[in-house]
Amino acid sequence: MKEAQLKDVKATFSAIVDQAVAGEPTIVTRHGRKEAVVLSFEEYERLSKVPTFGELLAAFPGDADDVPERSQRPSRSYNSEF
């Protein structure tokens, strides 16, 4: 991934967007610090879609026999007197 200073990004923004769409994001620096990234909208959407835990479980590639059954814990009895 290439880096460019903010002043250079301002001057060549159209070319940087074209490069991002072509699959080459650019890290934008300001005063030597990494501040932002210019990337394609397609890549942004891919990165921003975090699957839910349920979706991850549903995508589990194994068989039902691969996951052991949970054993039932004995219920705890609580003393209501203090």
PDB file of N, CA and C in Angstrom:
ATOM      1  N   MET A   1       0.866  -1.170   0.000  1.00  0.00           N
ATOM      2  CA  MET A   1       0.000   0.000   0.000  1.00  0.00           C
ATOM      3  C   MET A   1       0.908   1.227   0.000  1.00  0.00           C
ATOM      4  N   LYS A   2       0.622   2.138  -0.882  1.00  0.00           N
ATOM      5  CA  LYS A   2       1.466   3.325  -0.965  1.00  0.00           C
ATOM      6  C   LYS A   2       0.994   4.391   0.022  1.00  0.00           C
ATOM      7  N   GLU A   3       1.897   5.300   0.338  1.00  0.00           N
ATOM      8  CA  GLU A   3       1.587   6.428   1.228  1.00  0.00           C
ATOM      9  C   GLU A   3       1.762   7.727   0.458  1.00  0.00           C
ATOM     10  N   ALA A   4       0.950   8.721   0.816  1.00  0.00           N
ATOM     11  CA  ALA A   4       1.071  10.032   0.197  1.00  0.00           C
ATOM     12  C   ALA A   4       0.723  11.088   1.233  1.00  0.00           C
ATOM     13  N   GLN A   5       1.420  12.207   1.160  1.00  0.00           N
ATOM     14  CA  GLN A   5       1.129  13.316   2.050  1.00  0.00           C
ATOM     15  C   GLN A   5      -0.185  13.969   1.634  1.00  0.00           C
ATOM     16  N   LEU A   6      -0.891  14.519   2.611  1.00  0.00           N
ATOM     17  CA  LEU A   6      -2.192  15.124   2.362  1.00  0.00           C
ATOM     18  C   LEU A   6      -2.136  16.170   1.264  1.00  0.00           C
ATOM     19  N   LYS A   7      -1.103  17.002   1.259  1.00  0.00           N
ATOM     20  CA  LYS A   7      -1.009  18.044   0.223  1.00  0.00           C
ATOM     21  C   LYS A   7      -0.904  17.432  -1.169  1.00  0.00           C
ATOM     22  N   ASP A   8      -0.227  16.283  -1.290  1.00  0.00           N
ATOM     23  CA  ASP A   8      -0.124  15.610  -2.587  1.00  0.00           C
ATOM     24  C   ASP A   8      -1.439  14.927  -2.962  1.00  0.00           C
ATOM     25  N   VAL A   9      -2.143  14.413  -1.970  1.00  0.00           N
ATOM     26  CA  VAL A   9      -3.437  13.783  -2.226  1.00  0.00           C
ATOM     27  C   VAL A   9      -4.426  14.822  -2.743  1.00  0.00           C
ATOM     28  N   LYS A  10      -4.405  16.010  -2.150  1.00  0.00           N
ATOM     29  CA  LYS A  10      -5.299  17.074  -2.615  1.00  0.00           C
ATOM     30  C   LYS A  10      -5.032  17.409  -4.084  1.00  0.00           C
ATOM     31  N   ALA A  11      -3.774  17.421  -4.454  1.00  0.00           N
ATOM     32  CA  ALA A  11      -3.414  17.816  -5.811  1.00  0.00           C
ATOM     33  C   ALA A  11      -3.704  16.723  -6.838  1.00  0.00           C
ATOM     34  N   THR A  12      -3.730  15.464  -6.398  1.00  0.00           N
ATOM     35  CA  THR A  12      -3.889  14.348  -7.343  1.00  0.00           C
ATOM     36  C   THR A  12      -5.028  13.423  -6.925  1.00  0.00           C
ATOM     37  N   PHE A  13      -6.065  13.992  -6.320  1.00  0.00           N
ATOM     38  CA  PHE A  13      -7.127  13.169  -5.743  1.00  0.00           C
ATOM     39  C   PHE A  13      -7.799  12.267  -6.771  1.00  0.00           C
ATOM     40  N   SER A  14      -8.068  12.757  -7.937  1.00  0.00           N
ATOM     41  CA  SER A  14      -8.744  11.963  -8.960  1.00  0.00           C
ATOM     42  C   SER A  14      -7.918  10.723  -9.311  1.00  0.00           C
ATOM     43  N   ALA A  15      -6.620  10.881  -9.456  1.00  0.00           N
ATOM     44  CA  ALA A  15      -5.746   9.751  -9.773  1.00  0.00           C
ATOM     45  C   ALA A  15      -5.689   8.769  -8.607  1.00  0.00           C
ATOM     46  N   ILE A  16      -5.690   9.270  -7.385  1.00  0.00           N
ATOM     47  CA  ILE A  16      -5.657   8.396  -6.201  1.00  0.00           C
ATOM     48  C   ILE A  16      -6.953   7.595  -6.092  1.00  0.00           C
ATOM     49  N   VAL A  17      -8.083   8.217  -6.415  1.00  0.00           N
ATOM     50  CA  VAL A  17      -9.357   7.492  -6.424  1.00  0.00           C
ATOM     51  C   VAL A  17      -9.341   6.422  -7.516  1.00  0.00           C
ATOM     52  N   ASP A  18      -8.833   6.747  -8.667  1.00  0.00           N
ATOM     53  CA  ASP A  18      -8.736   5.757  -9.745  1.00  0.00           C
ATOM     54  C   ASP A  18      -7.880   4.564  -9.319  1.00  0.00           C
ATOM     55  N   GLN A  19      -6.777   4.837  -8.641  1.00  0.00           N
ATOM     56  CA  GLN A  19      -5.913   3.761  -8.159  1.00  0.00           C
ATOM     57  C   GLN A  19      -6.625   2.907  -7.109  1.00  0.00           C
ATOM     58  N   ALA A  20      -7.389   3.560  -6.234  1.00  0.00           N
ATOM     59  CA  ALA A  20      -8.132   2.819  -5.204  1.00  0.00           C
ATOM     60  C   ALA A  20      -9.157   1.892  -5.844  1.00  0.00           C
ATOM     61  N   VAL A  21      -9.862   2.384  -6.857  1.00  0.00           N
ATOM     62  CA  VAL A  21     -10.849   1.568  -7.565  1.00  0.00           C
ATOM     63  C   VAL A  21     -10.162   0.394  -8.261  1.00  0.00           C
ATOM     64  N   ALA A  22      -8.931   0.600  -8.703  1.00  0.00           N
ATOM     65  CA  ALA A  22      -8.161  -0.456  -9.370  1.00  0.00           C
ATOM     66  C   ALA A  22      -7.552  -1.434  -8.365  1.00  0.00           C
ATOM     67  N   GLY A  23      -7.782  -1.204  -7.064  1.00  0.00           N
ATOM     68  CA  GLY A  23      -7.291  -2.150  -6.060  1.00  0.00           C
ATOM     69  C   GLY A  23      -6.049  -1.716  -5.314  1.00  0.00           C
ATOM     70  N   GLU A  24      -5.623  -0.475  -5.489  1.00  0.00           N
ATOM     71  CA  GLU A  24      -4.430   0.014  -4.798  1.00  0.00           C
ATOM     72  C   GLU A  24      -4.787   1.174  -3.866  1.00  0.00           C
ATOM     73  N   PRO A  25      -5.107   0.869  -2.591  1.00  0.00           N
ATOM     74  CA  PRO A  25      -5.430   1.938  -1.651  1.00  0.00           C
ATOM     75  C   PRO A  25      -4.206   2.799  -1.331  1.00  0.00           C
ATOM     76  N   THR A  26      -4.460   3.972  -0.820  1.00  0.00           N
ATOM     77  CA  THR A  26      -3.394   4.903  -0.454  1.00  0.00           C
ATOM     78  C   THR A  26      -3.576   5.341   0.993  1.00  0.00           C
ATOM     79  N   ILE A  27      -2.496   5.281   1.767  1.00  0.00           N
ATOM     80  CA  ILE A  27      -2.497   5.805   3.130  1.00  0.00           C
ATOM     81  C   ILE A  27      -2.187   7.295   3.041  1.00  0.00           C
ATOM     82  N   VAL A  28      -3.027   8.103   3.662  1.00  0.00           N
ATOM     83  CA  VAL A  28      -2.835   9.552   3.646  1.00  0.00           C
ATOM     84  C   VAL A  28      -2.151   9.948   4.950  1.00  0.00           C
ATOM     85  N   THR A  29      -1.026  10.651   4.817  1.00  0.00           N
ATOM     86  CA  THR A  29      -0.291  11.093   6.007  1.00  0.00           C
ATOM     87  C   THR A  29      -0.396  12.606   6.148  1.00  0.00           C
ATOM     88  N   ARG A  30      -0.337  13.033   7.413  1.00  0.00           N
ATOM     89  CA  ARG A  30      -0.320  14.468   7.725  1.00  0.00           C
ATOM     90  C   ARG A  30       0.744  14.674   8.792  1.00  0.00           C
ATOM     91  N   HIS A  31       1.706  15.506   8.493  1.00  0.00           N
ATOM     92  CA  HIS A  31       2.824  15.756   9.412  1.00  0.00           C
ATOM     93  C   HIS A  31       3.513  14.450   9.808  1.00  0.00           C
ATOM     94  N   GLY A  32       3.611  13.522   8.848  1.00  0.00           N
ATOM     95  CA  GLY A  32       4.308  12.269   9.076  1.00  0.00           C
ATOM     96  C   GLY A  32       3.495  11.189   9.776  1.00  0.00           C
ATOM     97  N   ARG A  33       2.265  11.501  10.171  1.00  0.00           N
ATOM     98  CA  ARG A  33       1.421  10.508  10.857  1.00  0.00           C
ATOM     99  C   ARG A  33       0.371   9.978   9.896  1.00  0.00           C
ATOM    100  N   LYS A  34       0.123   8.686   9.972  1.00  0.00           N
ATOM    101  CA  LYS A  34      -0.921   8.076   9.146  1.00  0.00           C
ATOM    102  C   LYS A  34      -2.278   8.525   9.679  1.00  0.00           C
ATOM    103  N   GLU A  35      -3.072   9.149   8.816  1.00  0.00           N
ATOM    104  CA  GLU A  35      -4.339   9.734   9.245  1.00  0.00           C
ATOM    105  C   GLU A  35      -5.568   9.082   8.611  1.00  0.00           C
ATOM    106  N   ALA A  36      -5.458   8.609   7.365  1.00  0.00           N
ATOM    107  CA  ALA A  36      -6.629   8.083   6.661  1.00  0.00           C
ATOM    108  C   ALA A  36      -6.168   7.138   5.563  1.00  0.00           C
ATOM    109  N   VAL A  37      -7.156   6.449   4.982  1.00  0.00           N
ATOM    110  CA  VAL A  37      -6.883   5.560   3.851  1.00  0.00           C
ATOM    111  C   VAL A  37      -7.935   5.823   2.780  1.00  0.00           C
ATOM    112  N   VAL A  38      -7.488   5.948   1.549  1.00  0.00           N
ATOM    113  CA  VAL A  38      -8.408   6.061   0.416  1.00  0.00           C
ATOM    114  C   VAL A  38      -8.482   4.670  -0.211  1.00  0.00           C
ATOM    115  N   LEU A  39      -9.677   4.085  -0.190  1.00  0.00           N
ATOM    116  CA  LEU A  39      -9.874   2.767  -0.770  1.00  0.00           C
ATOM    117  C   LEU A  39     -11.186   2.748  -1.516  1.00  0.00           C
ATOM    118  N   SER A  40     -11.368   1.734  -2.337  1.00  0.00           N
ATOM    119  CA  SER A  40     -12.581   1.664  -3.143  1.00  0.00           C
ATOM    120  C   SER A  40     -13.797   1.431  -2.248  1.00  0.00           C
ATOM    121  N   PHE A  41     -14.955   1.830  -2.754  1.00  0.00           N
ATOM    122  CA  PHE A  41     -16.182   1.617  -2.001  1.00  0.00           C
ATOM    123  C   PHE A  41     -16.451   0.131  -1.829  1.00  0.00           C
ATOM    124  N   GLU A  42     -16.131  -0.649  -2.842  1.00  0.00           N
ATOM    125  CA  GLU A  42     -16.311  -2.101  -2.765  1.00  0.00           C
ATOM    126  C   GLU A  42     -15.489  -2.692  -1.613  1.00  0.00           C
ATOM    127  N   GLU A  43     -14.238  -2.249  -1.481  1.00  0.00           N
ATOM    128  CA  GLU A  43     -13.378  -2.737  -0.396  1.00  0.00           C
ATOM    129  C   GLU A  43     -13.894  -2.255   0.964  1.00  0.00           C
ATOM    130  N   TYR A  44     -14.358  -1.009   1.009  1.00  0.00           N
ATOM    131  CA  TYR A  44     -14.940  -0.480   2.246  1.00  0.00           C
ATOM    132  C   TYR A  44     -16.133  -1.331   2.689  1.00  0.00           C
ATOM    133  N   GLU A  45     -17.036  -1.636   1.757  1.00  0.00           N
ATOM    134  CA  GLU A  45     -18.202  -2.460   2.104  1.00  0.00           C
ATOM    135  C   GLU A  45     -17.788  -3.831   2.605  1.00  0.00           C
ATOM    136  N   ARG A  46     -16.790  -4.438   1.963  1.00  0.00           N
ATOM    137  CA  ARG A  46     -16.319  -5.760   2.380  1.00  0.00           C
ATOM    138  C   ARG A  46     -15.764  -5.715   3.809  1.00  0.00           C
ATOM    139  N   LEU A  47     -14.998  -4.682   4.097  1.00  0.00           N
ATOM    140  CA  LEU A  47     -14.386  -4.565   5.417  1.00  0.00           C
ATOM    141  C   LEU A  47     -15.381  -4.167   6.502  1.00  0.00           C
ATOM    142  N   SER A  48     -16.426  -3.448   6.130  1.00  0.00           N
ATOM    143  CA  SER A  48     -17.369  -2.952   7.137  1.00  0.00           C
ATOM    144  C   SER A  48     -18.435  -3.968   7.515  1.00  0.00           C
ATOM    145  N   LYS A  49     -18.556  -5.036   6.752  1.00  0.00           N
ATOM    146  CA  LYS A  49     -19.560  -6.054   7.054  1.00  0.00           C
ATOM    147  C   LYS A  49     -18.953  -7.121   7.963  1.00  0.00           C
ATOM    148  N   VAL A  50     -19.164  -6.957   9.239  1.00  0.00           N
ATOM    149  CA  VAL A  50     -18.672  -7.932  10.208  1.00  0.00           C
ATOM    150  C   VAL A  50     -19.809  -8.902  10.491  1.00  0.00           C
ATOM    151  N   PRO A  51     -19.562 -10.191  10.310  1.00  0.00           N
ATOM    152  CA  PRO A  51     -20.650 -11.142  10.539  1.00  0.00           C
ATOM    153  C   PRO A  51     -21.024 -11.224  12.016  1.00  0.00           C
ATOM    154  N   THR A  52     -22.288 -11.500  12.261  1.00  0.00           N
ATOM    155  CA  THR A  52     -22.735 -11.700  13.637  1.00  0.00           C
ATOM    156  C   THR A  52     -22.272 -13.074  14.103  1.00  0.00           C
ATOM    157  N   PHE A  53     -22.326 -13.305  15.395  1.00  0.00           N
ATOM    158  CA  PHE A  53     -21.945 -14.597  15.939  1.00  0.00           C
ATOM    159  C   PHE A  53     -22.833 -15.693  15.366  1.00  0.00           C
ATOM    160  N   GLY A  54     -24.116 -15.402  15.231  1.00  0.00           N
ATOM    161  CA  GLY A  54     -25.049 -16.372  14.657  1.00  0.00           C
ATOM    162  C   GLY A  54     -24.698 -16.718  13.218  1.00  0.00           C
ATOM    163  N   GLU A  55     -24.289 -15.712  12.427  1.00  0.00           N
ATOM    164  CA  GLU A  55     -23.886 -15.967  11.047  1.00  0.00           C
ATOM    165  C   GLU A  55     -22.628 -16.833  10.993  1.00  0.00           C
ATOM    166  N   LEU A  56     -21.702 -16.580  11.907  1.00  0.00           N
ATOM    167  CA  LEU A  56     -20.498 -17.406  11.963  1.00  0.00           C
ATOM    168  C   LEU A  56     -20.842 -18.850  12.319  1.00  0.00           C
ATOM    169  N   LEU A  57     -21.746 -19.023  13.280  1.00  0.00           N
ATOM    170  CA  LEU A  57     -22.153 -20.383  13.649  1.00  0.00           C
ATOM    171  C   LEU A  57     -22.863 -21.077  12.492  1.00  0.00           C
ATOM    172  N   ALA A  58     -23.712 -20.344  11.801  1.00  0.00           N
ATOM    173  CA  ALA A  58     -24.446 -20.933  10.682  1.00  0.00           C
ATOM    174  C   ALA A  58     -23.503 -21.331   9.548  1.00  0.00           C
ATOM    175  N   ALA A  59     -22.372 -20.644   9.438  1.00  0.00           N
ATOM    176  CA  ALA A  59     -21.419 -20.947   8.379  1.00  0.00           C
ATOM    177  C   ALA A  59     -20.428 -22.033   8.788  1.00  0.00           C
ATOM    178  N   PHE A  60     -20.568 -22.605   9.970  1.00  0.00           N
ATOM    179  CA  PHE A  60     -19.652 -23.641  10.449  1.00  0.00           C
ATOM    180  C   PHE A  60     -19.636 -24.797   9.453  1.00  0.00           C
ATOM    181  N   PRO A  61     -18.460 -25.153   8.944  1.00  0.00           N
ATOM    182  CA  PRO A  61     -18.410 -26.151   7.873  1.00  0.00           C
ATOM    183  C   PRO A  61     -18.521 -27.600   8.345  1.00  0.00           C
ATOM    184  N   GLY A  62     -18.490 -27.846   9.632  1.00  0.00           N
ATOM    185  CA  GLY A  62     -18.498 -29.219  10.125  1.00  0.00           C
ATOM    186  C   GLY A  62     -19.884 -29.823  10.209  1.00  0.00           C
ATOM    187  N   ASP A  63     -19.915 -31.074  10.609  1.00  0.00           N
ATOM    188  CA  ASP A  63     -21.162 -31.781  10.829  1.00  0.00           C
ATOM    189  C   ASP A  63     -21.637 -31.566  12.260  1.00  0.00           C
ATOM    190  N   ALA A  64     -22.891 -31.883  12.504  1.00  0.00           N
ATOM    191  CA  ALA A  64     -23.447 -31.726  13.849  1.00  0.00           C
ATOM    192  C   ALA A  64     -22.697 -32.588  14.859  1.00  0.00           C
ATOM    193  N   ASP A  65     -22.147 -33.718  14.406  1.00  0.00           N
ATOM    194  CA  ASP A  65     -21.410 -34.603  15.310  1.00  0.00           C
ATOM    195  C   ASP A  65     -20.059 -34.030  15.714  1.00  0.00           C
ATOM    196  N   ASP A  66     -19.598 -33.004  15.032  1.00  0.00           N
ATOM    197  CA  ASP A  66     -18.302 -32.398  15.349  1.00  0.00           C
ATOM    198  C   ASP A  66     -18.338 -31.574  16.626  1.00  0.00           C
ATOM    199  N   VAL A  67     -19.513 -31.174  17.039  1.00  0.00           N
ATOM    200  CA  VAL A  67     -19.659 -30.341  18.234  1.00  0.00           C
ATOM    201  C   VAL A  67     -20.242 -31.205  19.334  1.00  0.00           C
ATOM    202  N   PRO A  68     -19.503 -31.370  20.446  1.00  0.00           N
ATOM    203  CA  PRO A  68     -20.028 -32.209  21.523  1.00  0.00           C
ATOM    204  C   PRO A  68     -21.243 -31.568  22.184  1.00  0.00           C
ATOM    205  N   GLU A  69     -22.137 -32.411  22.684  1.00  0.00           N
ATOM    206  CA  GLU A  69     -23.305 -31.897  23.387  1.00  0.00           C
ATOM    207  C   GLU A  69     -22.861 -31.317  24.719  1.00  0.00           C
ATOM    208  N   ARG A  70     -23.570 -30.277  25.122  1.00  0.00           N
ATOM    209  CA  ARG A  70     -23.260 -29.666  26.414  1.00  0.00           C
ATOM    210  C   ARG A  70     -23.868 -30.499  27.518  1.00  0.00           C
ATOM    211  N   SER A  71     -23.116 -30.676  28.558  1.00  0.00           N
ATOM    212  CA  SER A  71     -23.672 -31.388  29.707  1.00  0.00           C
ATOM    213  C   SER A  71     -24.442 -30.382  30.553  1.00  0.00           C
ATOM    214  N   GLN A  72     -25.494 -30.850  31.170  1.00  0.00           N
ATOM    215  CA  GLN A  72     -26.301 -29.976  32.020  1.00  0.00           C
ATOM    216  C   GLN A  72     -25.616 -29.844  33.371  1.00  0.00           C
ATOM    217  N   ARG A  73     -25.427 -28.629  33.783  1.00  0.00           N
ATOM    218  CA  ARG A  73     -24.861 -28.396  35.112  1.00  0.00           C
ATOM    219  C   ARG A  73     -25.953 -28.567  36.145  1.00  0.00           C
ATOM    220  N   PRO A  74     -25.598 -29.099  37.282  1.00  0.00           N
ATOM    221  CA  PRO A  74     -26.620 -29.168  38.331  1.00  0.00           C
ATOM    222  C   PRO A  74     -27.006 -27.758  38.767  1.00  0.00           C
ATOM    223  N   SER A  75     -28.277 -27.577  39.037  1.00  0.00           N
ATOM    224  CA  SER A  75     -28.724 -26.247  39.458  1.00  0.00           C
ATOM    225  C   SER A  75     -28.192 -25.963  40.848  1.00  0.00           C
ATOM    226  N   ARG A  76     -27.878 -24.706  41.065  1.00  0.00           N
ATOM    227  CA  ARG A  76     -27.353 -24.301  42.371  1.00  0.00           C
ATOM    228  C   ARG A  76     -28.521 -23.969  43.288  1.00  0.00           C
ATOM    229  N   SER A  77     -28.376 -24.375  44.504  1.00  0.00           N
ATOM    230  CA  SER A  77     -29.387 -23.975  45.479  1.00  0.00           C
ATOM    231  C   SER A  77     -28.828 -22.812  46.285  1.00  0.00           C
ATOM    232  N   TYR A  78     -29.588 -21.785  46.382  1.00  0.00           N
ATOM    233  CA  TYR A  78     -29.155 -20.614  47.099  1.00  0.00           C
ATOM    234  C   TYR A  78     -29.941 -20.515  48.394  1.00  0.00           C
ATOM    235  N   ASN A  79     -29.230 -20.176  49.435  1.00  0.00           N
ATOM    236  CA  ASN A  79     -29.841 -19.994  50.734  1.00  0.00           C
ATOM    237  C   ASN A  79     -30.389 -18.575  50.788  1.00  0.00           C
ATOM    238  N   SER A  80     -31.686 -18.450  51.002  1.00  0.00           N
ATOM    239  CA  SER A  80     -32.282 -17.119  51.004  1.00  0.00           C
ATOM    240  C   SER A  80     -32.120 -16.429  52.364  1.00  0.00           C
ATOM    241  N   GLU A  81     -31.609 -17.150  53.339  1.00  0.00           N
ATOM    242  CA  GLU A  81     -31.374 -16.533  54.645  1.00  0.00           C
ATOM    243  C   GLU A  81     -29.954 -16.019  54.698  1.00  0.00           C
ATOM    244  N   PHE A  82     -29.799 -14.821  55.236  1.00  0.00           N
ATOM    245  CA  PHE A  82     -28.459 -14.244  55.344  1.00  0.00           C
ATOM    246  C   PHE A  82     -28.014 -14.211  56.744  1.00  0.00           C
TER     247      PHE A  82
END
